[in-house]
Amino acid sequence: MTPTRLSGGRGGRHRRSARIALAVLAALGVVAAVSAFHQPVRELDPTAEQASSEVAGTEVIGIRTFEAPAGLRIHADLEYGVADDGTLLTLDVCRPAVGDAMDVAMPTVVSVHGGSWARGDKANSDWRNVCLWLASEGFVAASVNYRLVPEARFPAQVDDVAAAVAWLREPDQVERFGIDPARIAAFGGSAGGHLASLLGTVGEGPLDAGSRVAAVVELSGPVGLGAAELDADGASDWLRGIVGEFLGCVPGTADVDCPQAIEASATAHVDPSDPPFFIGHAAAEVVPLAQSERLAATLRASAVPVEVALVPGDAHSIGILEAPLRERVAAFLHARLG
């Protein structure tokens, strides 16, 4: 596996390049290698509450309106690596029905769950539905678990997701699942939208190697975590609180007491090498609309193709993923992945 060289243009981004490249290698270590150093391997084992979706309540909205067709295949709890703290990292793969599968390698979408970076699970009912929906559209879908707050803080989460992309590009996985390693996209909602956006913007070089992706879909992501952005957007105390927990510090008036807030912001890393983006957001939801608007404007300023879908109401993340938006997202992914 060749780890990605992450985006340059700024000295900090080159330092970030080296660090994430090393983190990807570390995360892809096998259990046997960890055991050789007598480091305990621990699994992510969220309780029912921690594993719950970021879409609150039981109302049938968004992705919950999707009904999976028969015949889709699920490969659950596949180990894609061991993090440097001994956490066993897993993902699920959903694939099209046998009769729908083509003889050629298929495009792949990495699905990243939300939950304030502190909860959620790849296989809760809502994100399993995302995985199955993507498979029904003819993609190989990989629904990823990553380390959660408070046991792990930024940048552990983006390192894990990057390692999952790199793992999917390994020859064994390419052959096993029929993946086209040149056509991998990222899809995420809420905190997962933030991670998918970072996956798309923190990188340089070809979009078909390492942990780079060829397209990004993000829904309702808090993508600008610096104090200036949070202040300008009128961010709620709730949003500031979960950002502080995620970063391990609270962004201050000038970010002097939380420098990693900028490093964790997709808006700070955009450059012309980034892949096309699809951004979805509800008009009156919990994450300020200005977050998505600023990311879209920043991408356009760098000549990065971006499509924005503004949805009425206050639903959040995959809660806005009704049939019309699913059609738009699927069309975007098909167009960008071929």
C-alpha atoms as a PDB file:
ATOM      1  CA  MET A   1       0.000   0.000   0.000  1.00  0.00           C
ATOM      2  CA  THR A   2       1.319   3.437  -0.916  1.00  0.00           C
ATOM      3  CA  PRO A   3      -0.018   6.096   1.436  1.00  0.00           C
ATOM      4  CA  THR A   4      -1.218   9.352  -0.016  1.00  0.00           C
ATOM      5  CA  ARG A   5       0.914  12.456  -0.034  1.00  0.00           C
ATOM      6  CA  LEU A   6      -1.327  15.049   1.476  1.00  0.00           C
ATOM      7  CA  SER A   7      -1.857  18.472   0.078  1.00  0.00           C
ATOM      8  CA  GLY A   8       0.771  21.113   0.019  1.00  0.00           C
ATOM      9  CA  GLY A   9       1.036  24.778  -0.729  1.00  0.00           C
ATOM     10  CA  ARG A  10       1.409  25.593   2.949  1.00  0.00           C
ATOM     11  CA  GLY A  11       4.098  24.361   5.311  1.00  0.00           C
ATOM     12  CA  GLY A  12       1.499  23.081   7.768  1.00  0.00           C
ATOM     13  CA  ARG A  13      -0.126  21.021   5.070  1.00  0.00           C
ATOM     14  CA  HIS A  14       3.174  19.337   4.200  1.00  0.00           C
ATOM     15  CA  ARG A  15       3.700  18.478   7.865  1.00  0.00           C
ATOM     16  CA  ARG A  16       0.170  17.133   7.931  1.00  0.00           C
ATOM     17  CA  SER A  17       1.031  15.089   4.829  1.00  0.00           C
ATOM     18  CA  ALA A  18       3.833  13.245   6.537  1.00  0.00           C
ATOM     19  CA  ARG A  19       1.892  12.712   9.743  1.00  0.00           C
ATOM     20  CA  ILE A  20      -1.216  11.251   8.103  1.00  0.00           C
ATOM     21  CA  ALA A  21       0.858   9.098   5.762  1.00  0.00           C
ATOM     22  CA  LEU A  22       2.511   7.589   8.823  1.00  0.00           C
ATOM     23  CA  ALA A  23      -0.850   7.290  10.577  1.00  0.00           C
ATOM     24  CA  VAL A  24      -2.305   5.382   7.630  1.00  0.00           C
ATOM     25  CA  LEU A  25       0.596   2.943   7.792  1.00  0.00           C
ATOM     26  CA  ALA A  26       0.150   2.547  11.537  1.00  0.00           C
ATOM     27  CA  ALA A  27      -3.593   2.044  11.269  1.00  0.00           C
ATOM     28  CA  LEU A  28      -3.104  -0.650   8.669  1.00  0.00           C
ATOM     29  CA  GLY A  29      -0.947  -2.766  10.957  1.00  0.00           C
ATOM     30  CA  VAL A  30      -2.209  -6.322  11.382  1.00  0.00           C
ATOM     31  CA  VAL A  31      -3.313  -7.769  14.698  1.00  0.00           C
ATOM     32  CA  ALA A  32      -0.387 -10.145  14.745  1.00  0.00           C
ATOM     33  CA  ALA A  33       2.073  -7.291  14.511  1.00  0.00           C
ATOM     34  CA  VAL A  34       0.442  -5.510  17.420  1.00  0.00           C
ATOM     35  CA  SER A  35       0.394  -8.668  19.490  1.00  0.00           C
ATOM     36  CA  ALA A  36       4.097  -9.159  18.873  1.00  0.00           C
ATOM     37  CA  PHE A  37       4.686  -6.036  20.978  1.00  0.00           C
ATOM     38  CA  HIS A  38       2.203  -7.230  23.626  1.00  0.00           C
ATOM     39  CA  GLN A  39      -0.110  -4.306  22.970  1.00  0.00           C
ATOM     40  CA  PRO A  40      -3.717  -5.223  23.776  1.00  0.00           C
ATOM     41  CA  VAL A  41      -6.114  -5.054  20.868  1.00  0.00           C
ATOM     42  CA  ARG A  42      -9.509  -3.612  21.770  1.00  0.00           C
ATOM     43  CA  GLU A  43     -12.629  -3.519  19.666  1.00  0.00           C
ATOM     44  CA  LEU A  44     -15.003  -0.617  19.298  1.00  0.00           C
ATOM     45  CA  ASP A  45     -18.028  -1.871  21.207  1.00  0.00           C
ATOM     46  CA  PRO A  46     -20.530   0.957  21.496  1.00  0.00           C
ATOM     47  CA  THR A  47     -23.601   0.573  23.686  1.00  0.00           C
ATOM     48  CA  ALA A  48     -27.014   0.824  22.074  1.00  0.00           C
ATOM     49  CA  GLU A  49     -27.142   4.521  22.995  1.00  0.00           C
ATOM     50  CA  GLN A  50     -23.678   5.274  21.622  1.00  0.00           C
ATOM     51  CA  ALA A  51     -24.450   3.441  18.410  1.00  0.00           C
ATOM     52  CA  SER A  52     -27.637   5.368  17.725  1.00  0.00           C
ATOM     53  CA  SER A  53     -28.095   7.442  14.603  1.00  0.00           C
ATOM     54  CA  GLU A  54     -27.636  11.207  14.529  1.00  0.00           C
ATOM     55  CA  VAL A  55     -31.193  11.371  13.159  1.00  0.00           C
ATOM     56  CA  ALA A  56     -33.187  11.686  16.365  1.00  0.00           C
ATOM     57  CA  GLY A  57     -36.530  10.056  17.039  1.00  0.00           C
ATOM     58  CA  THR A  58     -38.456   7.455  15.115  1.00  0.00           C
ATOM     59  CA  GLU A  59     -40.029   9.584  12.375  1.00  0.00           C
ATOM     60  CA  VAL A  60     -39.697   7.950   8.950  1.00  0.00           C
ATOM     61  CA  ILE A  61     -37.748  10.630   7.107  1.00  0.00           C
ATOM     62  CA  GLY A  62     -34.689  10.819   4.912  1.00  0.00           C
ATOM     63  CA  ILE A  63     -32.831   7.554   4.415  1.00  0.00           C
ATOM     64  CA  ARG A  64     -35.503   5.784   6.476  1.00  0.00           C
ATOM     65  CA  THR A  65     -37.831   6.072   3.479  1.00  0.00           C
ATOM     66  CA  PHE A  66     -35.549   3.808   1.434  1.00  0.00           C
ATOM     67  CA  GLU A  67     -36.534   0.164   1.095  1.00  0.00           C
ATOM     68  CA  ALA A  68     -33.690  -2.098   0.054  1.00  0.00           C
ATOM     69  CA  PRO A  69     -34.341  -4.492  -2.807  1.00  0.00           C
ATOM     70  CA  ALA A  70     -33.701  -8.184  -2.344  1.00  0.00           C
ATOM     71  CA  GLY A  71     -30.377  -9.748  -3.175  1.00  0.00           C
ATOM     72  CA  LEU A  72     -27.916  -7.123  -1.925  1.00  0.00           C
ATOM     73  CA  ARG A  73     -24.883  -8.674  -0.244  1.00  0.00           C
ATOM     74  CA  ILE A  74     -23.392  -7.571   3.085  1.00  0.00           C
ATOM     75  CA  HIS A  75     -19.910  -8.457   4.357  1.00  0.00           C
ATOM     76  CA  ALA A  76     -19.960  -7.316   7.987  1.00  0.00           C
ATOM     77  CA  ASP A  77     -17.241  -6.452  10.478  1.00  0.00           C
ATOM     78  CA  LEU A  78     -14.230  -6.667   8.210  1.00  0.00           C
ATOM     79  CA  GLU A  79     -10.977  -5.634   9.892  1.00  0.00           C
ATOM     80  CA  TYR A  80      -9.231  -2.872   7.981  1.00  0.00           C
ATOM     81  CA  GLY A  81      -6.505  -2.212  10.519  1.00  0.00           C
ATOM     82  CA  VAL A  82      -5.399  -1.651  14.081  1.00  0.00           C
ATOM     83  CA  ALA A  83      -4.825   1.893  15.255  1.00  0.00           C
ATOM     84  CA  ASP A  84      -1.660   2.811  17.096  1.00  0.00           C
ATOM     85  CA  ASP A  85      -3.593   2.750  20.393  1.00  0.00           C
ATOM     86  CA  GLY A  86      -4.626  -0.857  19.795  1.00  0.00           C
ATOM     87  CA  THR A  87      -8.170  -0.165  18.580  1.00  0.00           C
ATOM     88  CA  LEU A  88      -9.413  -2.735  16.092  1.00  0.00           C
ATOM     89  CA  LEU A  89     -10.919  -0.878  13.118  1.00  0.00           C
ATOM     90  CA  THR A  90     -13.739  -2.446  11.126  1.00  0.00           C
ATOM     91  CA  LEU A  91     -16.040  -1.734   8.214  1.00  0.00           C
ATOM     92  CA  ASP A  92     -18.978  -3.324   6.423  1.00  0.00           C
ATOM     93  CA  VAL A  93     -19.119  -3.815   2.652  1.00  0.00           C
ATOM     94  CA  CYS A  94     -22.454  -3.776   0.816  1.00  0.00           C
ATOM     95  CA  ARG A  95     -22.478  -4.976  -2.779  1.00  0.00           C
ATOM     96  CA  PRO A  96     -25.004  -5.086  -5.600  1.00  0.00           C
ATOM     97  CA  ALA A  97     -27.034  -8.233  -6.138  1.00  0.00           C
ATOM     98  CA  VAL A  98     -25.223 -10.976  -8.029  1.00  0.00           C
ATOM     99  CA  GLY A  99     -27.390 -10.515 -11.096  1.00  0.00           C
ATOM    100  CA  ASP A 100     -26.670  -6.767 -11.157  1.00  0.00           C
ATOM    101  CA  ALA A 101     -22.914  -7.037 -10.728  1.00  0.00           C
ATOM    102  CA  MET A 102     -20.861  -6.250 -13.802  1.00  0.00           C
ATOM    103  CA  ASP A 103     -17.863  -8.215 -14.958  1.00  0.00           C
ATOM    104  CA  VAL A 104     -15.781  -5.053 -14.718  1.00  0.00           C
ATOM    105  CA  ALA A 105     -14.540  -3.496 -11.499  1.00  0.00           C
ATOM    106  CA  MET A 106     -17.139  -1.289  -9.825  1.00  0.00           C
ATOM    107  CA  PRO A 107     -16.898   2.237  -8.395  1.00  0.00           C
ATOM    108  CA  THR A 108     -16.820   2.370  -4.601  1.00  0.00           C
ATOM    109  CA  VAL A 109     -18.255   4.774  -2.039  1.00  0.00           C
ATOM    110  CA  VAL A 110     -16.880   4.965   1.503  1.00  0.00           C
ATOM    111  CA  SER A 111     -19.734   5.799   3.890  1.00  0.00           C
ATOM    112  CA  VAL A 112     -18.876   7.704   7.104  1.00  0.00           C
ATOM    113  CA  HIS A 113     -21.472   7.844   9.880  1.00  0.00           C
ATOM    114  CA  GLY A 114     -22.253  10.890  11.984  1.00  0.00           C
ATOM    115  CA  GLY A 115     -22.851  11.350  15.691  1.00  0.00           C
ATOM    116  CA  SER A 116     -20.904  14.388  16.930  1.00  0.00           C
ATOM    117  CA  TRP A 117     -17.658  12.411  16.555  1.00  0.00           C
ATOM    118  CA  ALA A 118     -18.682  10.751  19.846  1.00  0.00           C
ATOM    119  CA  ARG A 119     -21.300   8.162  18.906  1.00  0.00           C
ATOM    120  CA  GLY A 120     -22.826   6.374  15.942  1.00  0.00           C
ATOM    121  CA  ASP A 121     -22.014   3.108  14.233  1.00  0.00           C
ATOM    122  CA  LYS A 122     -21.532   1.842  10.700  1.00  0.00           C
ATOM    123  CA  ALA A 123     -24.340  -0.686  11.111  1.00  0.00           C
ATOM    124  CA  ASN A 124     -27.083   1.162  12.980  1.00  0.00           C
ATOM    125  CA  SER A 125     -30.328   0.967  11.049  1.00  0.00           C
ATOM    126  CA  ASP A 126     -29.944   4.349   9.323  1.00  0.00           C
ATOM    127  CA  TRP A 127     -26.354   3.895   8.174  1.00  0.00           C
ATOM    128  CA  ARG A 128     -26.946   0.283   7.170  1.00  0.00           C
ATOM    129  CA  ASN A 129     -29.708   1.710   4.969  1.00  0.00           C
ATOM    130  CA  VAL A 130     -27.195   4.162   3.461  1.00  0.00           C
ATOM    131  CA  CYS A 131     -24.871   1.255   2.705  1.00  0.00           C
ATOM    132  CA  LEU A 132     -27.666  -0.737   1.079  1.00  0.00           C
ATOM    133  CA  TRP A 133     -28.942   2.259  -0.886  1.00  0.00           C
ATOM    134  CA  LEU A 134     -25.486   2.882  -2.360  1.00  0.00           C
ATOM    135  CA  ALA A 135     -25.185  -0.802  -3.255  1.00  0.00           C
ATOM    136  CA  SER A 136     -28.598  -0.677  -4.921  1.00  0.00           C
ATOM    137  CA  GLU A 137     -27.229   2.124  -7.114  1.00  0.00           C
ATOM    138  CA  GLY A 138     -24.479  -0.164  -8.402  1.00  0.00           C
ATOM    139  CA  PHE A 139     -21.650   0.894  -6.095  1.00  0.00           C
ATOM    140  CA  VAL A 140     -19.527  -1.151  -3.747  1.00  0.00           C
ATOM    141  CA  ALA A 141     -20.290   0.615  -0.458  1.00  0.00           C
ATOM    142  CA  ALA A 142     -17.946   0.469   2.532  1.00  0.00           C
ATOM    143  CA  SER A 143     -19.489   1.691   5.800  1.00  0.00           C
ATOM    144  CA  VAL A 144     -16.676   2.603   8.170  1.00  0.00           C
ATOM    145  CA  ASN A 145     -16.308   2.690  11.942  1.00  0.00           C
ATOM    146  CA  TYR A 146     -13.710   5.003  13.425  1.00  0.00           C
ATOM    147  CA  ARG A 147     -12.499   5.880  16.909  1.00  0.00           C
ATOM    148  CA  LEU A 148     -14.808   8.106  18.944  1.00  0.00           C
ATOM    149  CA  VAL A 149     -14.569  10.942  21.457  1.00  0.00           C
ATOM    150  CA  PRO A 150     -13.633  10.983  24.318  1.00  0.00           C
ATOM    151  CA  GLU A 151     -11.294   7.988  23.983  1.00  0.00           C
ATOM    152  CA  ALA A 152      -9.827   9.497  20.809  1.00  0.00           C
ATOM    153  CA  ARG A 153      -9.760  13.067  19.558  1.00  0.00           C
ATOM    154  CA  PHE A 154      -8.807  14.768  16.327  1.00  0.00           C
ATOM    155  CA  PRO A 155      -6.989  13.738  14.165  1.00  0.00           C
ATOM    156  CA  ALA A 156      -7.625  10.072  15.037  1.00  0.00           C
ATOM    157  CA  GLN A 157     -10.980   9.990  13.247  1.00  0.00           C
ATOM    158  CA  VAL A 158      -9.751  11.285   9.884  1.00  0.00           C
ATOM    159  CA  ASP A 159      -6.671   9.080  10.138  1.00  0.00           C
ATOM    160  CA  ASP A 160      -8.935   6.038  10.529  1.00  0.00           C
ATOM    161  CA  VAL A 161     -11.124   6.940   7.556  1.00  0.00           C
ATOM    162  CA  ALA A 162      -8.038   7.586   5.430  1.00  0.00           C
ATOM    163  CA  ALA A 163      -6.680   4.173   6.428  1.00  0.00           C
ATOM    164  CA  ALA A 164      -9.946   2.545   5.346  1.00  0.00           C
ATOM    165  CA  VAL A 165      -9.681   4.074   1.872  1.00  0.00           C
ATOM    166  CA  ALA A 166      -6.087   2.916   1.540  1.00  0.00           C
ATOM    167  CA  TRP A 167      -7.085  -0.600   2.691  1.00  0.00           C
ATOM    168  CA  LEU A 168      -9.812  -0.810   0.051  1.00  0.00           C
ATOM    169  CA  ARG A 169      -7.175  -0.060  -2.592  1.00  0.00           C
ATOM    170  CA  GLU A 170      -5.017  -3.006  -1.577  1.00  0.00           C
ATOM    171  CA  PRO A 171      -4.902  -5.699  -4.303  1.00  0.00           C
ATOM    172  CA  ASP A 172      -6.555  -8.296  -2.071  1.00  0.00           C
ATOM    173  CA  GLN A 173      -9.598  -6.104  -1.428  1.00  0.00           C
ATOM    174  CA  VAL A 174      -9.777  -4.919  -5.028  1.00  0.00           C
ATOM    175  CA  GLU A 175     -10.008  -8.520  -6.188  1.00  0.00           C
ATOM    176  CA  ARG A 176     -12.266  -9.708  -3.371  1.00  0.00           C
ATOM    177  CA  PHE A 177     -14.947  -7.055  -3.787  1.00  0.00           C
ATOM    178  CA  GLY A 178     -14.569  -6.083  -7.431  1.00  0.00           C
ATOM    179  CA  ILE A 179     -13.373  -2.561  -6.643  1.00  0.00           C
ATOM    180  CA  ASP A 180     -12.005  -0.147  -9.187  1.00  0.00           C
ATOM    181  CA  PRO A 181      -9.260   1.543  -7.112  1.00  0.00           C
ATOM    182  CA  ALA A 182      -9.311   4.580  -9.424  1.00  0.00           C
ATOM    183  CA  ARG A 183     -12.982   5.265  -8.658  1.00  0.00           C
ATOM    184  CA  ILE A 184     -13.478   5.700  -4.919  1.00  0.00           C
ATOM    185  CA  ALA A 185     -15.667   8.434  -3.410  1.00  0.00           C
ATOM    186  CA  ALA A 186     -16.508   9.477   0.148  1.00  0.00           C
ATOM    187  CA  PHE A 187     -20.011  10.026   1.547  1.00  0.00           C
ATOM    188  CA  GLY A 188     -20.684  11.369   5.032  1.00  0.00           C
ATOM    189  CA  GLY A 189     -23.325  13.065   7.140  1.00  0.00           C
ATOM    190  CA  SER A 190     -22.967  15.419  10.107  1.00  0.00           C
ATOM    191  CA  ALA A 191     -19.625  14.579  11.790  1.00  0.00           C
ATOM    192  CA  GLY A 192     -19.157  12.045   9.000  1.00  0.00           C
ATOM    193  CA  GLY A 193     -19.661  14.858   6.504  1.00  0.00           C
ATOM    194  CA  HIS A 194     -16.851  16.735   8.203  1.00  0.00           C
ATOM    195  CA  LEU A 195     -14.564  13.699   7.931  1.00  0.00           C
ATOM    196  CA  ALA A 196     -15.501  13.076   4.293  1.00  0.00           C
ATOM    197  CA  SER A 197     -14.770  16.730   3.511  1.00  0.00           C
ATOM    198  CA  LEU A 198     -11.362  16.528   5.144  1.00  0.00           C
ATOM    199  CA  LEU A 199     -10.664  13.349   3.210  1.00  0.00           C
ATOM    200  CA  GLY A 200     -11.359  15.290   0.033  1.00  0.00           C
ATOM    201  CA  THR A 201      -9.457  18.469   0.842  1.00  0.00           C
ATOM    202  CA  VAL A 202      -6.438  17.342   2.870  1.00  0.00           C
ATOM    203  CA  GLY A 203      -4.416  15.802   0.101  1.00  0.00           C
ATOM    204  CA  GLU A 204      -2.393  16.319  -3.024  1.00  0.00           C
ATOM    205  CA  GLY A 205      -1.487  14.232  -6.018  1.00  0.00           C
ATOM    206  CA  PRO A 206      -3.603  11.791  -8.046  1.00  0.00           C
ATOM    207  CA  LEU A 207      -7.150  11.137  -6.873  1.00  0.00           C
ATOM    208  CA  ASP A 208      -6.764   7.403  -7.501  1.00  0.00           C
ATOM    209  CA  ALA A 209      -3.988   6.553  -5.044  1.00  0.00           C
ATOM    210  CA  GLY A 210      -3.423   6.179  -1.315  1.00  0.00           C
ATOM    211  CA  SER A 211      -6.301   7.673   0.653  1.00  0.00           C
ATOM    212  CA  ARG A 212      -7.353  10.247  -1.927  1.00  0.00           C
ATOM    213  CA  VAL A 213     -10.901  10.130  -3.272  1.00  0.00           C
ATOM    214  CA  ALA A 214     -12.379  11.028  -6.643  1.00  0.00           C
ATOM    215  CA  ALA A 215     -15.542  12.695  -5.300  1.00  0.00           C
ATOM    216  CA  VAL A 216     -17.099  13.785  -1.998  1.00  0.00           C
ATOM    217  CA  VAL A 217     -20.710  13.944  -0.853  1.00  0.00           C
ATOM    218  CA  GLU A 218     -21.225  15.656   2.472  1.00  0.00           C
ATOM    219  CA  LEU A 219     -24.520  16.369   4.221  1.00  0.00           C
ATOM    220  CA  SER A 220     -24.843  18.856   7.101  1.00  0.00           C
ATOM    221  CA  GLY A 221     -21.168  18.737   7.997  1.00  0.00           C
ATOM    222  CA  PRO A 222     -19.623  21.233  10.423  1.00  0.00           C
ATOM    223  CA  VAL A 223     -16.696  21.950   8.136  1.00  0.00           C
ATOM    224  CA  GLY A 224     -15.295  25.202   9.530  1.00  0.00           C
ATOM    225  CA  LEU A 225     -14.250  24.750  13.164  1.00  0.00           C
ATOM    226  CA  GLY A 226     -12.209  27.901  13.720  1.00  0.00           C
ATOM    227  CA  ALA A 227     -13.470  30.524  16.151  1.00  0.00           C
ATOM    228  CA  ALA A 228     -13.944  33.126  13.417  1.00  0.00           C
ATOM    229  CA  GLU A 229     -16.200  30.796  11.418  1.00  0.00           C
ATOM    230  CA  LEU A 230     -18.189  29.621  14.430  1.00  0.00           C
ATOM    231  CA  ASP A 231     -18.664  33.222  15.562  1.00  0.00           C
ATOM    232  CA  ALA A 232     -19.689  34.447  12.105  1.00  0.00           C
ATOM    233  CA  ASP A 233     -22.202  31.613  11.772  1.00  0.00           C
ATOM    234  CA  GLY A 234     -23.778  32.169  15.182  1.00  0.00           C
ATOM    235  CA  ALA A 235     -22.884  28.643  16.217  1.00  0.00           C
ATOM    236  CA  SER A 236     -24.891  27.297  19.139  1.00  0.00           C
ATOM    237  CA  ASP A 237     -23.412  26.377  22.482  1.00  0.00           C
ATOM    238  CA  TRP A 238     -24.140  22.756  21.539  1.00  0.00           C
ATOM    239  CA  LEU A 239     -22.056  22.949  18.386  1.00  0.00           C
ATOM    240  CA  ARG A 240     -19.226  24.751  20.163  1.00  0.00           C
ATOM    241  CA  GLY A 241     -19.332  22.118  22.873  1.00  0.00           C
ATOM    242  CA  ILE A 242     -19.024  19.091  20.587  1.00  0.00           C
ATOM    243  CA  VAL A 243     -16.298  20.831  18.571  1.00  0.00           C
ATOM    244  CA  GLY A 244     -14.393  21.462  21.807  1.00  0.00           C
ATOM    245  CA  GLU A 245     -14.742  17.809  22.815  1.00  0.00           C
ATOM    246  CA  PHE A 246     -13.608  16.649  19.382  1.00  0.00           C
ATOM    247  CA  LEU A 247     -10.562  18.930  19.287  1.00  0.00           C
ATOM    248  CA  GLY A 248      -9.651  18.641  22.956  1.00  0.00           C
ATOM    249  CA  CYS A 249      -9.894  22.406  23.306  1.00  0.00           C
ATOM    250  CA  VAL A 250     -12.422  25.162  22.709  1.00  0.00           C
ATOM    251  CA  PRO A 251     -11.696  27.515  19.798  1.00  0.00           C
ATOM    252  CA  GLY A 252     -11.064  30.938  21.305  1.00  0.00           C
ATOM    253  CA  THR A 253     -11.554  34.444  20.015  1.00  0.00           C
ATOM    254  CA  ALA A 254      -8.502  34.216  17.777  1.00  0.00           C
ATOM    255  CA  ASP A 255      -7.953  30.443  17.896  1.00  0.00           C
ATOM    256  CA  VAL A 256      -4.782  31.027  19.902  1.00  0.00           C
ATOM    257  CA  ASP A 257      -5.823  28.467  22.500  1.00  0.00           C
ATOM    258  CA  CYS A 258      -6.987  25.865  19.975  1.00  0.00           C
ATOM    259  CA  PRO A 259      -4.672  25.851  16.949  1.00  0.00           C
ATOM    260  CA  GLN A 260      -5.890  22.473  15.727  1.00  0.00           C
ATOM    261  CA  ALA A 261      -9.299  24.043  14.966  1.00  0.00           C
ATOM    262  CA  ILE A 262      -7.937  25.352  11.683  1.00  0.00           C
ATOM    263  CA  GLU A 263      -6.155  22.101  10.827  1.00  0.00           C
ATOM    264  CA  ALA A 264      -9.476  20.305  11.395  1.00  0.00           C
ATOM    265  CA  SER A 265     -11.397  22.631   9.044  1.00  0.00           C
ATOM    266  CA  ALA A 266     -11.978  21.514   5.463  1.00  0.00           C
ATOM    267  CA  THR A 267     -12.341  25.152   4.421  1.00  0.00           C
ATOM    268  CA  ALA A 268      -8.702  25.749   5.386  1.00  0.00           C
ATOM    269  CA  HIS A 269      -7.341  23.041   3.065  1.00  0.00           C
ATOM    270  CA  VAL A 270      -9.142  23.616  -0.224  1.00  0.00           C
ATOM    271  CA  ASP A 271      -6.976  23.865  -3.334  1.00  0.00           C
ATOM    272  CA  PRO A 272      -7.482  23.237  -7.073  1.00  0.00           C
ATOM    273  CA  SER A 273      -6.359  19.594  -6.762  1.00  0.00           C
ATOM    274  CA  ASP A 274      -9.434  18.667  -4.731  1.00  0.00           C
ATOM    275  CA  PRO A 275     -12.163  16.361  -6.103  1.00  0.00           C
ATOM    276  CA  PRO A 276     -15.692  17.477  -7.036  1.00  0.00           C
ATOM    277  CA  PHE A 277     -18.065  18.007  -4.106  1.00  0.00           C
ATOM    278  CA  PHE A 278     -21.789  17.573  -3.558  1.00  0.00           C
ATOM    279  CA  ILE A 279     -23.017  19.482  -0.497  1.00  0.00           C
ATOM    280  CA  GLY A 280     -26.468  18.989   1.012  1.00  0.00           C
ATOM    281  CA  HIS A 281     -27.902  21.028   3.868  1.00  0.00           C
ATOM    282  CA  ALA A 282     -31.295  21.837   5.389  1.00  0.00           C
ATOM    283  CA  ALA A 283     -32.266  25.501   5.663  1.00  0.00           C
ATOM    284  CA  ALA A 284     -33.033  25.571   9.383  1.00  0.00           C
ATOM    285  CA  GLU A 285     -31.103  22.692  10.893  1.00  0.00           C
ATOM    286  CA  VAL A 286     -28.804  22.424  13.897  1.00  0.00           C
ATOM    287  CA  VAL A 287     -25.565  23.003  11.937  1.00  0.00           C
ATOM    288  CA  PRO A 288     -25.597  26.554  10.510  1.00  0.00           C
ATOM    289  CA  LEU A 289     -26.240  26.698   6.772  1.00  0.00           C
ATOM    290  CA  ALA A 290     -23.374  29.177   6.493  1.00  0.00           C
ATOM    291  CA  GLN A 291     -20.949  26.330   7.124  1.00  0.00           C
ATOM    292  CA  SER A 292     -21.919  24.640   3.848  1.00  0.00           C
ATOM    293  CA  GLU A 293     -22.230  27.930   1.982  1.00  0.00           C
ATOM    294  CA  ARG A 294     -18.684  28.922   2.925  1.00  0.00           C
ATOM    295  CA  LEU A 295     -17.250  25.563   1.900  1.00  0.00           C
ATOM    296  CA  ALA A 296     -19.038  25.781  -1.446  1.00  0.00           C
ATOM    297  CA  ALA A 297     -17.745  29.308  -2.038  1.00  0.00           C
ATOM    298  CA  THR A 298     -14.203  28.286  -1.101  1.00  0.00           C
ATOM    299  CA  LEU A 299     -14.309  25.325  -3.483  1.00  0.00           C
ATOM    300  CA  ARG A 300     -15.610  27.501  -6.313  1.00  0.00           C
ATOM    301  CA  ALA A 301     -12.871  30.051  -5.679  1.00  0.00           C
ATOM    302  CA  SER A 302     -10.352  27.260  -6.296  1.00  0.00           C
ATOM    303  CA  ALA A 303     -12.202  26.110  -9.436  1.00  0.00           C
ATOM    304  CA  VAL A 304     -13.271  22.852  -7.783  1.00  0.00           C
ATOM    305  CA  PRO A 305     -16.633  21.638  -9.158  1.00  0.00           C
ATOM    306  CA  VAL A 306     -19.341  21.785  -6.511  1.00  0.00           C
ATOM    307  CA  GLU A 307     -23.073  21.101  -6.495  1.00  0.00           C
ATOM    308  CA  VAL A 308     -25.211  22.370  -3.619  1.00  0.00           C
ATOM    309  CA  ALA A 309     -28.640  21.097  -2.603  1.00  0.00           C
ATOM    310  CA  LEU A 310     -30.562  23.284  -0.140  1.00  0.00           C
ATOM    311  CA  VAL A 311     -33.418  21.365   1.449  1.00  0.00           C
ATOM    312  CA  PRO A 312     -36.285  23.122   3.270  1.00  0.00           C
ATOM    313  CA  GLY A 313     -36.960  22.362   6.911  1.00  0.00           C
ATOM    314  CA  ASP A 314     -34.835  21.413   9.881  1.00  0.00           C
ATOM    315  CA  ALA A 315     -33.935  17.752   9.267  1.00  0.00           C
ATOM    316  CA  HIS A 316     -30.264  16.935   9.719  1.00  0.00           C
ATOM    317  CA  SER A 317     -27.702  14.812   7.889  1.00  0.00           C
ATOM    318  CA  ILE A 318     -29.193  11.664   6.356  1.00  0.00           C
ATOM    319  CA  GLY A 319     -32.536  12.867   7.699  1.00  0.00           C
ATOM    320  CA  ILE A 320     -32.691  15.011   4.527  1.00  0.00           C
ATOM    321  CA  LEU A 321     -31.910  12.065   2.254  1.00  0.00           C
ATOM    322  CA  GLU A 322     -35.403  11.643   0.809  1.00  0.00           C
ATOM    323  CA  ALA A 323     -35.899  10.088  -2.621  1.00  0.00           C
ATOM    324  CA  PRO A 324     -35.361  13.323  -4.636  1.00  0.00           C
ATOM    325  CA  LEU A 325     -32.046  14.034  -2.908  1.00  0.00           C
ATOM    326  CA  ARG A 326     -31.008  10.394  -3.217  1.00  0.00           C
ATOM    327  CA  GLU A 327     -31.552  10.691  -6.958  1.00  0.00           C
ATOM    328  CA  ARG A 328     -29.396  13.822  -7.148  1.00  0.00           C
ATOM    329  CA  VAL A 329     -26.604  12.291  -5.073  1.00  0.00           C
ATOM    330  CA  ALA A 330     -26.634   9.076  -7.088  1.00  0.00           C
ATOM    331  CA  ALA A 331     -26.526  11.053 -10.356  1.00  0.00           C
ATOM    332  CA  PHE A 332     -23.572  13.070  -9.046  1.00  0.00           C
ATOM    333  CA  LEU A 333     -21.668   9.941  -8.026  1.00  0.00           C
ATOM    334  CA  HIS A 334     -22.351   8.166 -11.298  1.00  0.00           C
ATOM    335  CA  ALA A 335     -21.250  11.223 -13.258  1.00  0.00           C
ATOM    336  CA  ARG A 336     -18.051  11.665 -11.263  1.00  0.00           C
ATOM    337  CA  LEU A 337     -17.116   8.005 -10.887  1.00  0.00           C
ATOM    338  CA  GLY A 338     -18.285   6.887 -14.315  1.00  0.00           C
END
